[in-house]
């Protein structure tokens, strides 16, 4: 394999952008493990009493990720996130007003490998805040991450909360409105399909978010992130292959998927774990009004689910030509 190295005269700003993404990759892939290791060192070392105090804090604070979390405007406004967004770059596109007097459930598609668009737009300021004043976004992620010592504090500070039913209900139950639950509908399973050109969404059997929207009367908003699947290549893992079977079994055991992805490095463009510089355009669609129904029937859930799929497909078709997707390409629902 021929290695393509980065030119020596790369502008300093681009170097800073690369470092910003590198620290994000570290946070996403290794920071939780590092924090757990540090906690073990505290327990086994001379500072065991600090670990005991933290365990007490963890016990008292255990329910916070399901009760709106604990965001920090300071963390969300770090300068490093500005360079992170500029690296790709990441853009948030508004197509309709979202009245802050309502609560919303935003369905984010596709998952991609590391959900860069969702993080850049909903966990850092000011993209969402500027376009949708009066609304507070909450990105729901797998509950397992909130069991990691110290790491849980970091991700909550960015505005992430648990993806449990209890957590989603807490966010959508805000009587004054102004809350936006952001759920990556395809989940971990969809990340195994994340590769350039792929337009397959795991959504046909995912109706829990529809039921939550009905129970709370939260307006549904389809969101499609163009470019999300272009950031990484992935080792071939077609359905039925031994690799895909292993990945799916591990997903069922651990709760999260392990896509074998690769892209570029820091000083060369041929291999590594840093995403390619591909633009991400996250398009927020028009809201689908939802009337509260505390006990929706299966038929009512299916009807709203079908309408959501229709609106999502329409959103994609209306904008795909703006972001380099051929006219003959369409979404595939699984």
C-alpha atoms as a PDB file:
ATOM      1  CA  UNK A   1       0.000   0.000   0.000  1.00  0.00           C
ATOM      2  CA  UNK A   2       1.352   3.372  -1.025  1.00  0.00           C
ATOM      3  CA  UNK A   3       1.302   5.877   1.839  1.00  0.00           C
ATOM      4  CA  UNK A   4       0.207   9.424   1.039  1.00  0.00           C
ATOM      5  CA  UNK A   5       1.801  11.867   3.457  1.00  0.00           C
ATOM      6  CA  UNK A   6       0.387  15.264   4.387  1.00  0.00           C
ATOM      7  CA  UNK A   7       2.265  18.240   2.929  1.00  0.00           C
ATOM      8  CA  UNK A   8       4.705  20.019   5.228  1.00  0.00           C
ATOM      9  CA  UNK A   9       3.231  23.483   4.644  1.00  0.00           C
ATOM     10  CA  UNK A  10      -0.243  22.698   6.034  1.00  0.00           C
ATOM     11  CA  UNK A  11      -1.743  25.861   7.610  1.00  0.00           C
ATOM     12  CA  UNK A  12      -1.598  25.961  11.408  1.00  0.00           C
ATOM     13  CA  UNK A  13      -5.378  26.255  11.634  1.00  0.00           C
ATOM     14  CA  UNK A  14      -5.832  22.920   9.854  1.00  0.00           C
ATOM     15  CA  UNK A  15      -3.313  21.316  12.212  1.00  0.00           C
ATOM     16  CA  UNK A  16      -5.314  22.587  15.188  1.00  0.00           C
ATOM     17  CA  UNK A  17      -8.494  21.212  13.636  1.00  0.00           C
ATOM     18  CA  UNK A  18      -6.850  17.790  13.290  1.00  0.00           C
ATOM     19  CA  UNK A  19      -5.730  17.856  16.940  1.00  0.00           C
ATOM     20  CA  UNK A  20      -9.286  18.805  17.996  1.00  0.00           C
ATOM     21  CA  UNK A  21     -10.681  15.770  16.169  1.00  0.00           C
ATOM     22  CA  UNK A  22      -7.902  13.561  17.543  1.00  0.00           C
ATOM     23  CA  UNK A  23      -8.875  14.396  21.133  1.00  0.00           C
ATOM     24  CA  UNK A  24     -12.538  13.702  20.251  1.00  0.00           C
ATOM     25  CA  UNK A  25     -11.578  10.286  18.872  1.00  0.00           C
ATOM     26  CA  UNK A  26      -9.621   9.597  22.080  1.00  0.00           C
ATOM     27  CA  UNK A  27     -12.613  10.682  24.178  1.00  0.00           C
ATOM     28  CA  UNK A  28     -14.964   8.464  22.197  1.00  0.00           C
ATOM     29  CA  UNK A  29     -12.798   5.341  22.044  1.00  0.00           C
ATOM     30  CA  UNK A  30     -10.479   5.370  25.058  1.00  0.00           C
ATOM     31  CA  UNK A  31     -11.436   7.947  27.676  1.00  0.00           C
ATOM     32  CA  UNK A  32     -14.001   5.703  29.411  1.00  0.00           C
ATOM     33  CA  UNK A  33     -11.433   2.905  29.739  1.00  0.00           C
ATOM     34  CA  UNK A  34      -8.806   5.387  30.941  1.00  0.00           C
ATOM     35  CA  UNK A  35     -11.184   6.748  33.594  1.00  0.00           C
ATOM     36  CA  UNK A  36     -12.040   3.236  34.820  1.00  0.00           C
ATOM     37  CA  UNK A  37      -8.332   2.410  35.021  1.00  0.00           C
ATOM     38  CA  UNK A  38      -7.620   5.584  36.968  1.00  0.00           C
ATOM     39  CA  UNK A  39     -10.412   4.716  39.383  1.00  0.00           C
ATOM     40  CA  UNK A  40      -8.885   1.265  39.984  1.00  0.00           C
ATOM     41  CA  UNK A  41      -5.497   2.888  40.629  1.00  0.00           C
ATOM     42  CA  UNK A  42      -7.111   5.155  43.224  1.00  0.00           C
ATOM     43  CA  UNK A  43      -8.684   2.172  44.967  1.00  0.00           C
ATOM     44  CA  UNK A  44      -5.440   0.188  45.057  1.00  0.00           C
ATOM     45  CA  UNK A  45      -3.173   3.123  45.886  1.00  0.00           C
ATOM     46  CA  UNK A  46      -2.658   5.533  48.729  1.00  0.00           C
ATOM     47  CA  UNK A  47      -5.611   7.658  47.666  1.00  0.00           C
ATOM     48  CA  UNK A  48      -8.236   4.966  48.160  1.00  0.00           C
ATOM     49  CA  UNK A  49     -10.275   7.338  50.314  1.00  0.00           C
ATOM     50  CA  UNK A  50     -10.858   9.539  47.232  1.00  0.00           C
ATOM     51  CA  UNK A  51     -12.302   6.529  45.442  1.00  0.00           C
ATOM     52  CA  UNK A  52     -14.571   5.843  48.418  1.00  0.00           C
ATOM     53  CA  UNK A  53     -15.792   9.438  48.388  1.00  0.00           C
ATOM     54  CA  UNK A  54     -16.454   9.208  44.663  1.00  0.00           C
ATOM     55  CA  UNK A  55     -18.385   5.956  45.144  1.00  0.00           C
ATOM     56  CA  UNK A  56     -20.557   7.752  47.676  1.00  0.00           C
ATOM     57  CA  UNK A  57     -21.093  10.569  45.179  1.00  0.00           C
ATOM     58  CA  UNK A  58     -21.889   8.013  42.463  1.00  0.00           C
ATOM     59  CA  UNK A  59     -24.513   6.401  44.680  1.00  0.00           C
ATOM     60  CA  UNK A  60     -26.169   9.727  45.463  1.00  0.00           C
ATOM     61  CA  UNK A  61     -25.960  10.941  41.859  1.00  0.00           C
ATOM     62  CA  UNK A  62     -26.866   7.693  40.101  1.00  0.00           C
ATOM     63  CA  UNK A  63     -30.223   8.908  38.800  1.00  0.00           C
ATOM     64  CA  UNK A  64     -28.982  12.188  37.288  1.00  0.00           C
ATOM     65  CA  UNK A  65     -28.396  10.822  33.735  1.00  0.00           C
ATOM     66  CA  UNK A  66     -32.101   9.898  33.692  1.00  0.00           C
ATOM     67  CA  UNK A  67     -33.183  13.247  35.111  1.00  0.00           C
ATOM     68  CA  UNK A  68     -31.893  15.694  32.510  1.00  0.00           C
ATOM     69  CA  UNK A  69     -28.208  15.231  33.260  1.00  0.00           C
ATOM     70  CA  UNK A  70     -25.924  18.038  34.344  1.00  0.00           C
ATOM     71  CA  UNK A  71     -24.821  20.119  31.383  1.00  0.00           C
ATOM     72  CA  UNK A  72     -22.088  22.716  31.541  1.00  0.00           C
ATOM     73  CA  UNK A  73     -22.302  25.730  29.276  1.00  0.00           C
ATOM     74  CA  UNK A  74     -18.569  26.182  29.807  1.00  0.00           C
ATOM     75  CA  UNK A  75     -17.715  22.709  28.473  1.00  0.00           C
ATOM     76  CA  UNK A  76     -20.142  22.983  25.562  1.00  0.00           C
ATOM     77  CA  UNK A  77     -18.510  26.284  24.568  1.00  0.00           C
ATOM     78  CA  UNK A  78     -14.873  25.114  24.643  1.00  0.00           C
ATOM     79  CA  UNK A  79     -12.881  26.544  21.740  1.00  0.00           C
ATOM     80  CA  UNK A  80     -11.758  23.032  20.818  1.00  0.00           C
ATOM     81  CA  UNK A  81     -15.299  22.272  19.613  1.00  0.00           C
ATOM     82  CA  UNK A  82     -15.149  25.181  17.175  1.00  0.00           C
ATOM     83  CA  UNK A  83     -12.071  23.625  15.564  1.00  0.00           C
ATOM     84  CA  UNK A  84     -13.729  20.199  15.722  1.00  0.00           C
ATOM     85  CA  UNK A  85     -16.724  21.442  13.736  1.00  0.00           C
ATOM     86  CA  UNK A  86     -14.504  23.284  11.240  1.00  0.00           C
ATOM     87  CA  UNK A  87     -12.439  20.156  10.496  1.00  0.00           C
ATOM     88  CA  UNK A  88     -15.168  18.442   8.445  1.00  0.00           C
ATOM     89  CA  UNK A  89     -16.872  21.028   8.484  1.00  0.00           C
ATOM     90  CA  UNK A  90     -20.184  20.363  10.266  1.00  0.00           C
ATOM     91  CA  UNK A  91     -23.247  22.408   9.316  1.00  0.00           C
ATOM     92  CA  UNK A  92     -26.717  22.471  10.871  1.00  0.00           C
ATOM     93  CA  UNK A  93     -29.482  23.246   8.354  1.00  0.00           C
ATOM     94  CA  UNK A  94     -32.831  24.645   9.485  1.00  0.00           C
ATOM     95  CA  UNK A  95     -35.861  24.030   7.262  1.00  0.00           C
ATOM     96  CA  UNK A  96     -38.667  25.058   9.609  1.00  0.00           C
ATOM     97  CA  UNK A  97     -39.324  26.908  12.827  1.00  0.00           C
ATOM     98  CA  UNK A  98     -39.595  24.879  16.040  1.00  0.00           C
ATOM     99  CA  UNK A  99     -41.853  26.657  18.515  1.00  0.00           C
ATOM    100  CA  UNK A 100     -40.110  26.609  21.938  1.00  0.00           C
ATOM    101  CA  UNK A 101     -43.511  26.262  23.619  1.00  0.00           C
ATOM    102  CA  UNK A 102     -43.530  22.594  22.570  1.00  0.00           C
ATOM    103  CA  UNK A 103     -41.306  19.630  23.361  1.00  0.00           C
ATOM    104  CA  UNK A 104     -39.784  17.732  20.449  1.00  0.00           C
ATOM    105  CA  UNK A 105     -38.364  14.321  19.703  1.00  0.00           C
ATOM    106  CA  UNK A 106     -35.718  14.561  16.993  1.00  0.00           C
ATOM    107  CA  UNK A 107     -34.957  11.319  15.161  1.00  0.00           C
ATOM    108  CA  UNK A 108     -31.346  11.459  13.979  1.00  0.00           C
ATOM    109  CA  UNK A 109     -30.279   9.464  10.880  1.00  0.00           C
ATOM    110  CA  UNK A 110     -27.971   7.768  10.022  1.00  0.00           C
ATOM    111  CA  UNK A 111     -25.905   6.575  12.990  1.00  0.00           C
ATOM    112  CA  UNK A 112     -22.635   6.536  11.071  1.00  0.00           C
ATOM    113  CA  UNK A 113     -19.607   5.096  12.874  1.00  0.00           C
ATOM    114  CA  UNK A 114     -19.158   7.661  15.653  1.00  0.00           C
ATOM    115  CA  UNK A 115     -22.191   9.974  15.255  1.00  0.00           C
ATOM    116  CA  UNK A 116     -20.002  13.020  14.635  1.00  0.00           C
ATOM    117  CA  UNK A 117     -22.855  15.167  13.316  1.00  0.00           C
ATOM    118  CA  UNK A 118     -25.048  14.559  16.348  1.00  0.00           C
ATOM    119  CA  UNK A 119     -22.221  15.414  18.732  1.00  0.00           C
ATOM    120  CA  UNK A 120     -21.080  18.514  16.844  1.00  0.00           C
ATOM    121  CA  UNK A 121     -24.578  19.954  16.459  1.00  0.00           C
ATOM    122  CA  UNK A 122     -26.298  18.988  19.714  1.00  0.00           C
ATOM    123  CA  UNK A 123     -23.472  18.701  22.280  1.00  0.00           C
ATOM    124  CA  UNK A 124     -21.526  21.846  21.448  1.00  0.00           C
ATOM    125  CA  UNK A 125     -22.610  25.457  21.244  1.00  0.00           C
ATOM    126  CA  UNK A 126     -23.631  27.592  19.464  1.00  0.00           C
ATOM    127  CA  UNK A 127     -25.014  25.763  16.341  1.00  0.00           C
ATOM    128  CA  UNK A 128     -28.367  24.551  17.709  1.00  0.00           C
ATOM    129  CA  UNK A 129     -28.813  27.431  20.143  1.00  0.00           C
ATOM    130  CA  UNK A 130     -28.452  30.026  17.395  1.00  0.00           C
ATOM    131  CA  UNK A 131     -30.887  28.383  14.974  1.00  0.00           C
ATOM    132  CA  UNK A 132     -33.483  27.256  17.511  1.00  0.00           C
ATOM    133  CA  UNK A 133     -33.525  29.766  20.388  1.00  0.00           C
ATOM    134  CA  UNK A 134     -35.497  28.671  23.408  1.00  0.00           C
ATOM    135  CA  UNK A 135     -34.922  24.950  22.804  1.00  0.00           C
ATOM    136  CA  UNK A 136     -32.516  22.802  24.841  1.00  0.00           C
ATOM    137  CA  UNK A 137     -31.211  19.665  23.063  1.00  0.00           C
ATOM    138  CA  UNK A 138     -30.527  16.419  24.952  1.00  0.00           C
ATOM    139  CA  UNK A 139     -28.586  13.731  23.107  1.00  0.00           C
ATOM    140  CA  UNK A 140     -29.625  10.301  24.397  1.00  0.00           C
ATOM    141  CA  UNK A 141     -26.897   7.639  24.471  1.00  0.00           C
ATOM    142  CA  UNK A 142     -26.584   4.108  25.853  1.00  0.00           C
ATOM    143  CA  UNK A 143     -27.009   3.940  29.660  1.00  0.00           C
ATOM    144  CA  UNK A 144     -23.867   1.812  30.059  1.00  0.00           C
ATOM    145  CA  UNK A 145     -21.607   4.852  29.626  1.00  0.00           C
ATOM    146  CA  UNK A 146     -23.024   6.522  32.733  1.00  0.00           C
ATOM    147  CA  UNK A 147     -21.627   3.732  34.870  1.00  0.00           C
ATOM    148  CA  UNK A 148     -18.045   4.723  34.033  1.00  0.00           C
ATOM    149  CA  UNK A 149     -16.443   6.718  36.881  1.00  0.00           C
ATOM    150  CA  UNK A 150     -15.484  10.306  35.977  1.00  0.00           C
ATOM    151  CA  UNK A 151     -16.328   9.729  32.299  1.00  0.00           C
ATOM    152  CA  UNK A 152     -20.030  10.086  33.127  1.00  0.00           C
ATOM    153  CA  UNK A 153     -19.404  13.597  34.446  1.00  0.00           C
ATOM    154  CA  UNK A 154     -17.682  14.579  31.219  1.00  0.00           C
ATOM    155  CA  UNK A 155     -20.390  13.337  28.855  1.00  0.00           C
ATOM    156  CA  UNK A 156     -23.174  14.799  30.996  1.00  0.00           C
ATOM    157  CA  UNK A 157     -21.432  18.177  30.900  1.00  0.00           C
ATOM    158  CA  UNK A 158     -21.802  18.113  27.105  1.00  0.00           C
ATOM    159  CA  UNK A 159     -25.555  17.586  27.382  1.00  0.00           C
ATOM    160  CA  UNK A 160     -25.730  13.823  26.948  1.00  0.00           C
ATOM    161  CA  UNK A 161     -28.281  11.835  28.918  1.00  0.00           C
ATOM    162  CA  UNK A 162     -29.372   8.210  29.134  1.00  0.00           C
ATOM    163  CA  UNK A 163     -31.410   6.641  26.335  1.00  0.00           C
ATOM    164  CA  UNK A 164     -33.607   4.802  28.847  1.00  0.00           C
ATOM    165  CA  UNK A 165     -37.390   5.245  28.723  1.00  0.00           C
ATOM    166  CA  UNK A 166     -37.225   6.996  32.083  1.00  0.00           C
ATOM    167  CA  UNK A 167     -34.736   9.528  30.734  1.00  0.00           C
ATOM    168  CA  UNK A 168     -36.648  10.257  27.531  1.00  0.00           C
ATOM    169  CA  UNK A 169     -39.852  10.662  29.540  1.00  0.00           C
ATOM    170  CA  UNK A 170     -38.151  13.123  31.895  1.00  0.00           C
ATOM    171  CA  UNK A 171     -36.988  15.320  29.009  1.00  0.00           C
ATOM    172  CA  UNK A 172     -40.293  15.239  27.130  1.00  0.00           C
ATOM    173  CA  UNK A 173     -42.367  15.804  30.257  1.00  0.00           C
ATOM    174  CA  UNK A 174     -41.281  19.419  30.603  1.00  0.00           C
ATOM    175  CA  UNK A 175     -44.594  21.265  31.042  1.00  0.00           C
ATOM    176  CA  UNK A 176     -43.345  24.569  29.719  1.00  0.00           C
ATOM    177  CA  UNK A 177     -41.960  23.039  26.532  1.00  0.00           C
ATOM    178  CA  UNK A 178     -38.541  23.972  25.192  1.00  0.00           C
ATOM    179  CA  UNK A 179     -36.936  20.507  25.385  1.00  0.00           C
ATOM    180  CA  UNK A 180     -35.669  18.491  22.419  1.00  0.00           C
ATOM    181  CA  UNK A 181     -34.812  14.813  22.840  1.00  0.00           C
ATOM    182  CA  UNK A 182     -32.325  13.737  20.170  1.00  0.00           C
ATOM    183  CA  UNK A 183     -32.355   9.988  19.565  1.00  0.00           C
ATOM    184  CA  UNK A 184     -30.141   8.180  17.051  1.00  0.00           C
ATOM    185  CA  UNK A 185     -32.866   5.839  15.847  1.00  0.00           C
ATOM    186  CA  UNK A 186     -30.720   3.216  14.094  1.00  0.00           C
ATOM    187  CA  UNK A 187     -28.651   2.606  17.198  1.00  0.00           C
ATOM    188  CA  UNK A 188     -25.524   0.498  17.442  1.00  0.00           C
ATOM    189  CA  UNK A 189     -26.788  -2.031  14.916  1.00  0.00           C
ATOM    190  CA  UNK A 190     -26.859   0.597  12.181  1.00  0.00           C
ATOM    191  CA  UNK A 191     -23.198   1.503  12.743  1.00  0.00           C
ATOM    192  CA  UNK A 192     -22.240  -1.884  11.251  1.00  0.00           C
ATOM    193  CA  UNK A 193     -23.587  -0.633   7.904  1.00  0.00           C
ATOM    194  CA  UNK A 194     -21.818   2.734   8.069  1.00  0.00           C
ATOM    195  CA  UNK A 195     -19.627   3.112   5.009  1.00  0.00           C
ATOM    196  CA  UNK A 196     -19.386   5.616   2.126  1.00  0.00           C
ATOM    197  CA  UNK A 197     -22.434   5.564  -0.110  1.00  0.00           C
ATOM    198  CA  UNK A 198     -24.605   3.473   2.199  1.00  0.00           C
ATOM    199  CA  UNK A 199     -28.192   4.724   2.600  1.00  0.00           C
ATOM    200  CA  UNK A 200     -29.700   1.842   4.573  1.00  0.00           C
ATOM    201  CA  UNK A 201     -31.490   2.783   7.808  1.00  0.00           C
ATOM    202  CA  UNK A 202     -32.501   0.341  10.550  1.00  0.00           C
ATOM    203  CA  UNK A 203     -35.910   1.733  11.360  1.00  0.00           C
ATOM    204  CA  UNK A 204     -38.789  -0.526  10.304  1.00  0.00           C
ATOM    205  CA  UNK A 205     -38.894  -2.368  13.633  1.00  0.00           C
ATOM    206  CA  UNK A 206     -37.932   0.634  15.771  1.00  0.00           C
ATOM    207  CA  UNK A 207     -41.162   2.116  17.057  1.00  0.00           C
ATOM    208  CA  UNK A 208     -40.376   2.826  20.698  1.00  0.00           C
ATOM    209  CA  UNK A 209     -39.612   6.481  19.933  1.00  0.00           C
ATOM    210  CA  UNK A 210     -43.011   6.787  18.250  1.00  0.00           C
ATOM    211  CA  UNK A 211     -44.734   5.480  21.353  1.00  0.00           C
ATOM    212  CA  UNK A 212     -42.802   7.917  23.563  1.00  0.00           C
ATOM    213  CA  UNK A 213     -43.780  10.842  21.333  1.00  0.00           C
ATOM    214  CA  UNK A 214     -47.447   9.852  21.535  1.00  0.00           C
ATOM    215  CA  UNK A 215     -47.423   9.372  25.301  1.00  0.00           C
ATOM    216  CA  UNK A 216     -45.960  12.838  25.865  1.00  0.00           C
ATOM    217  CA  UNK A 217     -47.461  14.705  22.920  1.00  0.00           C
ATOM    218  CA  UNK A 218     -43.962  15.567  21.709  1.00  0.00           C
ATOM    219  CA  UNK A 219     -43.768  16.716  18.106  1.00  0.00           C
ATOM    220  CA  UNK A 220     -41.657  14.426  15.917  1.00  0.00           C
ATOM    221  CA  UNK A 221     -38.864  15.923  13.820  1.00  0.00           C
ATOM    222  CA  UNK A 222     -36.926  13.849  11.249  1.00  0.00           C
ATOM    223  CA  UNK A 223     -33.236  14.779  10.986  1.00  0.00           C
ATOM    224  CA  UNK A 224     -30.925  13.509   8.251  1.00  0.00           C
ATOM    225  CA  UNK A 225     -27.180  14.052   8.441  1.00  0.00           C
ATOM    226  CA  UNK A 226     -25.755  14.058   4.921  1.00  0.00           C
ATOM    227  CA  UNK A 227     -22.112  12.971   4.915  1.00  0.00           C
ATOM    228  CA  UNK A 228     -22.272  11.007   8.180  1.00  0.00           C
ATOM    229  CA  UNK A 229     -21.458   7.716   6.472  1.00  0.00           C
ATOM    230  CA  UNK A 230     -18.629   9.217   4.415  1.00  0.00           C
ATOM    231  CA  UNK A 231     -16.236   9.789   7.324  1.00  0.00           C
ATOM    232  CA  UNK A 232     -14.820   6.267   7.631  1.00  0.00           C
ATOM    233  CA  UNK A 233     -14.316   3.131   5.606  1.00  0.00           C
ATOM    234  CA  UNK A 234     -15.164  -0.179   7.222  1.00  0.00           C
ATOM    235  CA  UNK A 235     -13.862  -3.711   6.852  1.00  0.00           C
ATOM    236  CA  UNK A 236     -16.276  -5.667   4.644  1.00  0.00           C
ATOM    237  CA  UNK A 237     -18.885  -7.338   6.855  1.00  0.00           C
ATOM    238  CA  UNK A 238     -21.871  -8.343   4.711  1.00  0.00           C
ATOM    239  CA  UNK A 239     -24.800  -9.943   6.496  1.00  0.00           C
ATOM    240  CA  UNK A 240     -24.174 -13.645   6.993  1.00  0.00           C
ATOM    241  CA  UNK A 241     -20.384 -13.304   7.002  1.00  0.00           C
ATOM    242  CA  UNK A 242     -18.426 -14.656   9.969  1.00  0.00           C
ATOM    243  CA  UNK A 243     -17.314 -11.137  10.919  1.00  0.00           C
ATOM    244  CA  UNK A 244     -20.872  -9.774  10.919  1.00  0.00           C
ATOM    245  CA  UNK A 245     -22.072 -12.745  12.976  1.00  0.00           C
ATOM    246  CA  UNK A 246     -19.348 -12.124  15.572  1.00  0.00           C
ATOM    247  CA  UNK A 247     -20.122  -8.385  15.660  1.00  0.00           C
ATOM    248  CA  UNK A 248     -23.840  -9.017  16.145  1.00  0.00           C
ATOM    249  CA  UNK A 249     -23.224 -11.531  18.926  1.00  0.00           C
ATOM    250  CA  UNK A 250     -20.885  -9.123  20.709  1.00  0.00           C
ATOM    251  CA  UNK A 251     -23.479  -6.368  20.320  1.00  0.00           C
ATOM    252  CA  UNK A 252     -26.122  -8.501  22.030  1.00  0.00           C
ATOM    253  CA  UNK A 253     -23.721  -9.279  24.891  1.00  0.00           C
ATOM    254  CA  UNK A 254     -22.210  -5.809  25.428  1.00  0.00           C
ATOM    255  CA  UNK A 255     -25.015  -3.576  24.191  1.00  0.00           C
ATOM    256  CA  UNK A 256     -22.864  -1.698  21.690  1.00  0.00           C
ATOM    257  CA  UNK A 257     -21.396  -2.570  18.299  1.00  0.00           C
ATOM    258  CA  UNK A 258     -17.741  -2.829  17.293  1.00  0.00           C
ATOM    259  CA  UNK A 259     -17.406  -1.706  13.667  1.00  0.00           C
ATOM    260  CA  UNK A 260     -13.884  -2.242  12.286  1.00  0.00           C
ATOM    261  CA  UNK A 261     -13.374   1.183  10.749  1.00  0.00           C
ATOM    262  CA  UNK A 262     -10.424   3.094   9.396  1.00  0.00           C
ATOM    263  CA  UNK A 263      -9.710   6.371   7.615  1.00  0.00           C
ATOM    264  CA  UNK A 264      -6.584   8.574   7.810  1.00  0.00           C
ATOM    265  CA  UNK A 265      -3.825   9.473  10.239  1.00  0.00           C
ATOM    266  CA  UNK A 266      -2.381  12.693  11.618  1.00  0.00           C
ATOM    267  CA  UNK A 267       0.528  13.112   9.186  1.00  0.00           C
ATOM    268  CA  UNK A 268      -0.617  10.840   6.350  1.00  0.00           C
ATOM    269  CA  UNK A 269      -3.872  10.195   4.541  1.00  0.00           C
ATOM    270  CA  UNK A 270      -3.664   6.433   3.895  1.00  0.00           C
ATOM    271  CA  UNK A 271      -4.589   4.771   7.176  1.00  0.00           C
ATOM    272  CA  UNK A 272      -5.568   5.598  10.753  1.00  0.00           C
ATOM    273  CA  UNK A 273      -8.606   6.297  12.920  1.00  0.00           C
ATOM    274  CA  UNK A 274      -9.054   9.999  12.215  1.00  0.00           C
ATOM    275  CA  UNK A 275     -12.125  10.656  10.015  1.00  0.00           C
ATOM    276  CA  UNK A 276     -11.777  11.998   6.504  1.00  0.00           C
ATOM    277  CA  UNK A 277     -12.385  15.694   5.942  1.00  0.00           C
ATOM    278  CA  UNK A 278     -15.850  15.268   4.499  1.00  0.00           C
ATOM    279  CA  UNK A 279     -18.555  17.911   5.032  1.00  0.00           C
ATOM    280  CA  UNK A 280     -21.508  16.991   7.231  1.00  0.00           C
ATOM    281  CA  UNK A 281     -24.817  18.734   6.621  1.00  0.00           C
ATOM    282  CA  UNK A 282     -27.357  17.881   9.308  1.00  0.00           C
ATOM    283  CA  UNK A 283     -30.782  18.869   7.993  1.00  0.00           C
ATOM    284  CA  UNK A 284     -33.539  19.372  10.569  1.00  0.00           C
ATOM    285  CA  UNK A 285     -36.931  18.728   9.001  1.00  0.00           C
ATOM    286  CA  UNK A 286     -40.372  20.136   9.705  1.00  0.00           C
ATOM    287  CA  UNK A 287     -42.155  19.004  12.876  1.00  0.00           C
ATOM    288  CA  UNK A 288     -44.914  16.416  12.751  1.00  0.00           C
ATOM    289  CA  UNK A 289     -47.604  17.534  15.233  1.00  0.00           C
ATOM    290  CA  UNK A 290     -48.418  14.802  17.759  1.00  0.00           C
ATOM    291  CA  UNK A 291     -51.443  14.826  20.027  1.00  0.00           C
ATOM    292  CA  UNK A 292     -50.851  13.323  23.461  1.00  0.00           C
ATOM    293  CA  UNK A 293     -52.174   9.802  23.859  1.00  0.00           C
ATOM    294  CA  UNK A 294     -51.274   8.108  27.140  1.00  0.00           C
ATOM    295  CA  UNK A 295     -52.300   4.656  25.916  1.00  0.00           C
ATOM    296  CA  UNK A 296     -51.706   4.476  22.162  1.00  0.00           C
ATOM    297  CA  UNK A 297     -52.833   1.359  20.357  1.00  0.00           C
ATOM    298  CA  UNK A 298     -50.578  -0.659  18.068  1.00  0.00           C
ATOM    299  CA  UNK A 299     -52.497   0.687  15.105  1.00  0.00           C
ATOM    300  CA  UNK A 300     -51.979   4.309  16.183  1.00  0.00           C
ATOM    301  CA  UNK A 301     -48.267   3.696  16.675  1.00  0.00           C
ATOM    302  CA  UNK A 302     -47.986   2.079  13.244  1.00  0.00           C
ATOM    303  CA  UNK A 303     -49.838   4.971  11.591  1.00  0.00           C
ATOM    304  CA  UNK A 304     -47.553   7.600  13.084  1.00  0.00           C
ATOM    305  CA  UNK A 305     -44.500   5.474  12.315  1.00  0.00           C
ATOM    306  CA  UNK A 306     -45.562   5.257   8.654  1.00  0.00           C
ATOM    307  CA  UNK A 307     -46.065   9.046   8.544  1.00  0.00           C
ATOM    308  CA  UNK A 308     -42.627   9.573  10.071  1.00  0.00           C
ATOM    309  CA  UNK A 309     -41.013   7.348   7.429  1.00  0.00           C
ATOM    310  CA  UNK A 310     -42.842   9.293   4.738  1.00  0.00           C
ATOM    311  CA  UNK A 311     -41.614  12.650   6.081  1.00  0.00           C
ATOM    312  CA  UNK A 312     -38.058  11.353   6.522  1.00  0.00           C
ATOM    313  CA  UNK A 313     -37.962  10.110   2.946  1.00  0.00           C
ATOM    314  CA  UNK A 314     -39.373  13.409   1.699  1.00  0.00           C
ATOM    315  CA  UNK A 315     -36.714  15.340   3.637  1.00  0.00           C
ATOM    316  CA  UNK A 316     -33.991  13.215   2.071  1.00  0.00           C
ATOM    317  CA  UNK A 317     -35.340  13.522  -1.460  1.00  0.00           C
ATOM    318  CA  UNK A 318     -35.742  17.306  -1.222  1.00  0.00           C
ATOM    319  CA  UNK A 319     -32.147  17.868  -0.122  1.00  0.00           C
ATOM    320  CA  UNK A 320     -30.057  15.027  -1.568  1.00  0.00           C
ATOM    321  CA  UNK A 321     -29.148  16.921  -4.749  1.00  0.00           C
ATOM    322  CA  UNK A 322     -27.606  19.697  -2.625  1.00  0.00           C
ATOM    323  CA  UNK A 323     -25.090  17.285  -1.105  1.00  0.00           C
ATOM    324  CA  UNK A 324     -23.861  15.225  -4.023  1.00  0.00           C
ATOM    325  CA  UNK A 325     -26.219  12.250  -3.868  1.00  0.00           C
ATOM    326  CA  UNK A 326     -27.254  11.016  -7.354  1.00  0.00           C
ATOM    327  CA  UNK A 327     -30.901  11.382  -8.343  1.00  0.00           C
ATOM    328  CA  UNK A 328     -31.396   7.602  -8.636  1.00  0.00           C
ATOM    329  CA  UNK A 329     -30.260   6.962  -5.032  1.00  0.00           C
ATOM    330  CA  UNK A 330     -32.911   6.675  -2.306  1.00  0.00           C
ATOM    331  CA  UNK A 331     -33.161   5.636   1.313  1.00  0.00           C
ATOM    332  CA  UNK A 332     -33.565   1.955   2.093  1.00  0.00           C
ATOM    333  CA  UNK A 333     -35.550   1.088   5.224  1.00  0.00           C
ATOM    334  CA  UNK A 334     -34.846  -2.177   7.033  1.00  0.00           C
END
